[in-house]
């Protein structure tokens, strides 16, 4: 087997994989004590969505892990050109931020399911999403400038 060429994209992949592992560990640790029915998501105004079985909480981490695995397979199959490495790094950082957001939302859903609160303030939702939006914006600017 050929050694993998070092690039910043692999650092991003490692960050994303580590954050997904933390998300899965966090959910596994909390899962036994969760209520049987949980809200399935948050609306934009901070109110909980419809309820469903707590097993649905595993759907987010599964999707994030699947997307990351597909991207890593593409990285293994075809080396990246130099100009695409920074953009790929930023894509993996966005994936790590999505995994963190999934963890944050899970904790808020637990608060809602236990009746600790009735809604999450929209400003809290915005503040949780803002870093991810900033990274997406930076990734877009980098990708556009590298293709020109």
C-alpha atoms as a PDB file:
ATOM      1  CA  UNK A   1       0.000   0.000   0.000  1.00  0.00           C
ATOM      2  CA  UNK A   2       1.285   3.418  -0.922  1.00  0.00           C
ATOM      3  CA  UNK A   3       1.762   5.945   1.874  1.00  0.00           C
ATOM      4  CA  UNK A   4      -0.808   8.703   1.879  1.00  0.00           C
ATOM      5  CA  UNK A   5       0.484  12.096   0.806  1.00  0.00           C
ATOM      6  CA  UNK A   6       0.281  14.601   3.612  1.00  0.00           C
ATOM      7  CA  UNK A   7      -2.029  17.502   3.001  1.00  0.00           C
ATOM      8  CA  UNK A   8      -4.097  19.932   4.992  1.00  0.00           C
ATOM      9  CA  UNK A   9      -7.214  18.114   3.738  1.00  0.00           C
ATOM     10  CA  UNK A  10      -6.285  15.105   5.882  1.00  0.00           C
ATOM     11  CA  UNK A  11      -6.028  17.335   8.949  1.00  0.00           C
ATOM     12  CA  UNK A  12      -9.565  18.530   8.223  1.00  0.00           C
ATOM     13  CA  UNK A  13     -10.729  14.932   7.809  1.00  0.00           C
ATOM     14  CA  UNK A  14      -9.176  14.027  11.165  1.00  0.00           C
ATOM     15  CA  UNK A  15     -10.929  16.968  12.840  1.00  0.00           C
ATOM     16  CA  UNK A  16     -14.285  15.947  11.364  1.00  0.00           C
ATOM     17  CA  UNK A  17     -13.843  12.291  12.330  1.00  0.00           C
ATOM     18  CA  UNK A  18     -12.847  13.252  15.873  1.00  0.00           C
ATOM     19  CA  UNK A  19     -15.901  15.508  16.263  1.00  0.00           C
ATOM     20  CA  UNK A  20     -18.210  12.787  14.928  1.00  0.00           C
ATOM     21  CA  UNK A  21     -16.711  10.334  17.415  1.00  0.00           C
ATOM     22  CA  UNK A  22     -17.309  12.840  20.237  1.00  0.00           C
ATOM     23  CA  UNK A  23     -20.909  13.285  19.055  1.00  0.00           C
ATOM     24  CA  UNK A  24     -21.509   9.514  19.017  1.00  0.00           C
ATOM     25  CA  UNK A  25     -19.878   9.107  22.448  1.00  0.00           C
ATOM     26  CA  UNK A  26     -21.958  11.954  23.879  1.00  0.00           C
ATOM     27  CA  UNK A  27     -25.211  10.525  22.518  1.00  0.00           C
ATOM     28  CA  UNK A  28     -24.362   6.980  23.638  1.00  0.00           C
ATOM     29  CA  UNK A  29     -23.574   8.241  27.138  1.00  0.00           C
ATOM     30  CA  UNK A  30     -26.871  10.149  27.458  1.00  0.00           C
ATOM     31  CA  UNK A  31     -29.088   7.705  25.558  1.00  0.00           C
ATOM     32  CA  UNK A  32     -30.169   5.380  28.433  1.00  0.00           C
ATOM     33  CA  UNK A  33     -31.472   8.274  30.540  1.00  0.00           C
ATOM     34  CA  UNK A  34     -33.413   9.992  27.728  1.00  0.00           C
ATOM     35  CA  UNK A  35     -37.217  10.026  27.676  1.00  0.00           C
ATOM     36  CA  UNK A  36     -38.755   7.460  25.297  1.00  0.00           C
ATOM     37  CA  UNK A  37     -40.328  10.206  23.154  1.00  0.00           C
ATOM     38  CA  UNK A  38     -38.242  13.147  22.051  1.00  0.00           C
ATOM     39  CA  UNK A  39     -38.907  16.158  19.830  1.00  0.00           C
ATOM     40  CA  UNK A  40     -37.610  15.390  16.337  1.00  0.00           C
ATOM     41  CA  UNK A  41     -36.186  18.871  15.847  1.00  0.00           C
ATOM     42  CA  UNK A  42     -36.412  22.578  16.530  1.00  0.00           C
ATOM     43  CA  UNK A  43     -38.460  25.054  14.561  1.00  0.00           C
ATOM     44  CA  UNK A  44     -36.993  28.428  13.612  1.00  0.00           C
ATOM     45  CA  UNK A  45     -38.851  30.104  16.474  1.00  0.00           C
ATOM     46  CA  UNK A  46     -37.274  27.712  18.995  1.00  0.00           C
ATOM     47  CA  UNK A  47     -40.324  25.577  19.671  1.00  0.00           C
ATOM     48  CA  UNK A  48     -39.965  21.799  19.524  1.00  0.00           C
ATOM     49  CA  UNK A  49     -41.072  19.866  16.459  1.00  0.00           C
ATOM     50  CA  UNK A  50     -43.275  16.758  16.582  1.00  0.00           C
ATOM     51  CA  UNK A  51     -42.176  13.968  18.898  1.00  0.00           C
ATOM     52  CA  UNK A  52     -40.805  10.611  17.880  1.00  0.00           C
ATOM     53  CA  UNK A  53     -38.869   7.708  19.367  1.00  0.00           C
ATOM     54  CA  UNK A  54     -35.535   8.608  20.904  1.00  0.00           C
ATOM     55  CA  UNK A  55     -33.782   6.283  18.429  1.00  0.00           C
ATOM     56  CA  UNK A  56     -34.269   9.016  15.793  1.00  0.00           C
ATOM     57  CA  UNK A  57     -31.520  10.978  17.552  1.00  0.00           C
ATOM     58  CA  UNK A  58     -29.028   8.565  15.927  1.00  0.00           C
ATOM     59  CA  UNK A  59     -30.117   9.652  12.440  1.00  0.00           C
ATOM     60  CA  UNK A  60     -28.093  12.889  12.457  1.00  0.00           C
ATOM     61  CA  UNK A  61     -24.781  11.291  13.495  1.00  0.00           C
ATOM     62  CA  UNK A  62     -25.345   8.454  11.003  1.00  0.00           C
ATOM     63  CA  UNK A  63     -25.857  10.863   8.108  1.00  0.00           C
ATOM     64  CA  UNK A  64     -22.864  12.999   9.092  1.00  0.00           C
ATOM     65  CA  UNK A  65     -20.646   9.911   9.428  1.00  0.00           C
ATOM     66  CA  UNK A  66     -21.810   8.569   6.062  1.00  0.00           C
ATOM     67  CA  UNK A  67     -21.068  11.825   4.244  1.00  0.00           C
ATOM     68  CA  UNK A  68     -17.648  12.018   5.903  1.00  0.00           C
ATOM     69  CA  UNK A  69     -16.860   8.402   4.991  1.00  0.00           C
ATOM     70  CA  UNK A  70     -17.768   9.049   1.341  1.00  0.00           C
ATOM     71  CA  UNK A  71     -15.521  12.124   1.233  1.00  0.00           C
ATOM     72  CA  UNK A  72     -12.635  10.221   2.819  1.00  0.00           C
ATOM     73  CA  UNK A  73     -13.025   7.418   0.262  1.00  0.00           C
ATOM     74  CA  UNK A  74     -12.822  10.039  -2.505  1.00  0.00           C
ATOM     75  CA  UNK A  75      -9.684  11.449  -0.875  1.00  0.00           C
ATOM     76  CA  UNK A  76      -8.136   7.992  -0.786  1.00  0.00           C
ATOM     77  CA  UNK A  77      -9.114   7.179  -4.366  1.00  0.00           C
ATOM     78  CA  UNK A  78      -7.833  10.331  -5.998  1.00  0.00           C
ATOM     79  CA  UNK A  79      -5.166  12.729  -4.748  1.00  0.00           C
ATOM     80  CA  UNK A  80      -6.259  16.330  -4.548  1.00  0.00           C
ATOM     81  CA  UNK A  81      -4.651  19.038  -6.633  1.00  0.00           C
ATOM     82  CA  UNK A  82      -2.801  21.596  -4.568  1.00  0.00           C
ATOM     83  CA  UNK A  83      -5.416  24.319  -5.139  1.00  0.00           C
ATOM     84  CA  UNK A  84      -8.269  22.137  -3.810  1.00  0.00           C
ATOM     85  CA  UNK A  85      -6.675  21.182  -0.504  1.00  0.00           C
ATOM     86  CA  UNK A  86      -7.610  24.282   1.481  1.00  0.00           C
ATOM     87  CA  UNK A  87     -11.202  24.166   0.255  1.00  0.00           C
ATOM     88  CA  UNK A  88     -11.427  20.477   1.189  1.00  0.00           C
ATOM     89  CA  UNK A  89     -10.008  21.264   4.618  1.00  0.00           C
ATOM     90  CA  UNK A  90     -12.727  23.889   5.115  1.00  0.00           C
ATOM     91  CA  UNK A  91     -15.413  21.435   3.984  1.00  0.00           C
ATOM     92  CA  UNK A  92     -14.279  19.009   6.676  1.00  0.00           C
ATOM     93  CA  UNK A  93     -14.273  21.828   9.245  1.00  0.00           C
ATOM     94  CA  UNK A  94     -17.883  22.594   8.283  1.00  0.00           C
ATOM     95  CA  UNK A  95     -18.714  18.900   8.784  1.00  0.00           C
ATOM     96  CA  UNK A  96     -17.119  19.039  12.239  1.00  0.00           C
ATOM     97  CA  UNK A  97     -19.182  22.129  13.045  1.00  0.00           C
ATOM     98  CA  UNK A  98     -22.347  20.379  11.854  1.00  0.00           C
ATOM     99  CA  UNK A  99     -21.520  17.468  14.183  1.00  0.00           C
ATOM    100  CA  UNK A 100     -21.042  19.904  17.069  1.00  0.00           C
ATOM    101  CA  UNK A 101     -24.345  21.599  16.194  1.00  0.00           C
ATOM    102  CA  UNK A 102     -26.057  18.213  16.182  1.00  0.00           C
ATOM    103  CA  UNK A 103     -24.701  17.614  19.690  1.00  0.00           C
ATOM    104  CA  UNK A 104     -25.870  21.057  20.852  1.00  0.00           C
ATOM    105  CA  UNK A 105     -29.358  20.543  19.374  1.00  0.00           C
ATOM    106  CA  UNK A 106     -29.584  17.099  20.999  1.00  0.00           C
ATOM    107  CA  UNK A 107     -28.957  18.662  24.403  1.00  0.00           C
ATOM    108  CA  UNK A 108     -31.626  21.302  23.737  1.00  0.00           C
ATOM    109  CA  UNK A 109     -34.085  18.589  22.649  1.00  0.00           C
ATOM    110  CA  UNK A 110     -33.456  16.778  25.935  1.00  0.00           C
ATOM    111  CA  UNK A 111     -34.240  20.006  27.826  1.00  0.00           C
ATOM    112  CA  UNK A 112     -37.475  20.340  25.867  1.00  0.00           C
ATOM    113  CA  UNK A 113     -38.464  16.676  26.330  1.00  0.00           C
ATOM    114  CA  UNK A 114     -37.930  16.867  30.087  1.00  0.00           C
ATOM    115  CA  UNK A 115     -39.927  20.072  30.344  1.00  0.00           C
ATOM    116  CA  UNK A 116     -36.950  22.087  31.566  1.00  0.00           C
ATOM    117  CA  UNK A 117     -37.873  24.726  29.000  1.00  0.00           C
ATOM    118  CA  UNK A 118     -40.653  25.246  26.479  1.00  0.00           C
ATOM    119  CA  UNK A 119     -38.620  26.819  23.708  1.00  0.00           C
ATOM    120  CA  UNK A 120     -35.083  27.759  22.800  1.00  0.00           C
ATOM    121  CA  UNK A 121     -34.558  31.451  22.145  1.00  0.00           C
ATOM    122  CA  UNK A 122     -34.044  32.110  18.432  1.00  0.00           C
ATOM    123  CA  UNK A 123     -30.978  34.209  19.254  1.00  0.00           C
ATOM    124  CA  UNK A 124     -29.395  31.150  20.914  1.00  0.00           C
ATOM    125  CA  UNK A 125     -30.106  29.148  17.758  1.00  0.00           C
ATOM    126  CA  UNK A 126     -28.564  31.873  15.617  1.00  0.00           C
ATOM    127  CA  UNK A 127     -25.474  32.116  17.816  1.00  0.00           C
ATOM    128  CA  UNK A 128     -25.033  28.340  17.595  1.00  0.00           C
ATOM    129  CA  UNK A 129     -25.297  28.378  13.799  1.00  0.00           C
ATOM    130  CA  UNK A 130     -23.212  31.516  13.164  1.00  0.00           C
ATOM    131  CA  UNK A 131     -19.712  29.922  13.294  1.00  0.00           C
ATOM    132  CA  UNK A 132     -20.793  27.295  10.775  1.00  0.00           C
ATOM    133  CA  UNK A 133     -22.241  29.947   8.457  1.00  0.00           C
ATOM    134  CA  UNK A 134     -19.009  31.945   8.695  1.00  0.00           C
ATOM    135  CA  UNK A 135     -16.921  28.894   7.801  1.00  0.00           C
ATOM    136  CA  UNK A 136     -19.208  28.133   4.852  1.00  0.00           C
ATOM    137  CA  UNK A 137     -18.775  31.714   3.646  1.00  0.00           C
ATOM    138  CA  UNK A 138     -14.995  31.493   3.965  1.00  0.00           C
ATOM    139  CA  UNK A 139     -14.975  28.146   2.133  1.00  0.00           C
ATOM    140  CA  UNK A 140     -17.014  29.632  -0.710  1.00  0.00           C
ATOM    141  CA  UNK A 141     -14.711  32.639  -1.035  1.00  0.00           C
ATOM    142  CA  UNK A 142     -11.628  30.404  -1.042  1.00  0.00           C
ATOM    143  CA  UNK A 143     -13.155  28.037  -3.610  1.00  0.00           C
ATOM    144  CA  UNK A 144     -14.202  30.885  -5.890  1.00  0.00           C
ATOM    145  CA  UNK A 145     -10.842  32.671  -5.713  1.00  0.00           C
ATOM    146  CA  UNK A 146      -8.955  29.451  -6.414  1.00  0.00           C
ATOM    147  CA  UNK A 147     -10.988  28.713  -9.532  1.00  0.00           C
ATOM    148  CA  UNK A 148     -10.478  32.171 -11.045  1.00  0.00           C
END
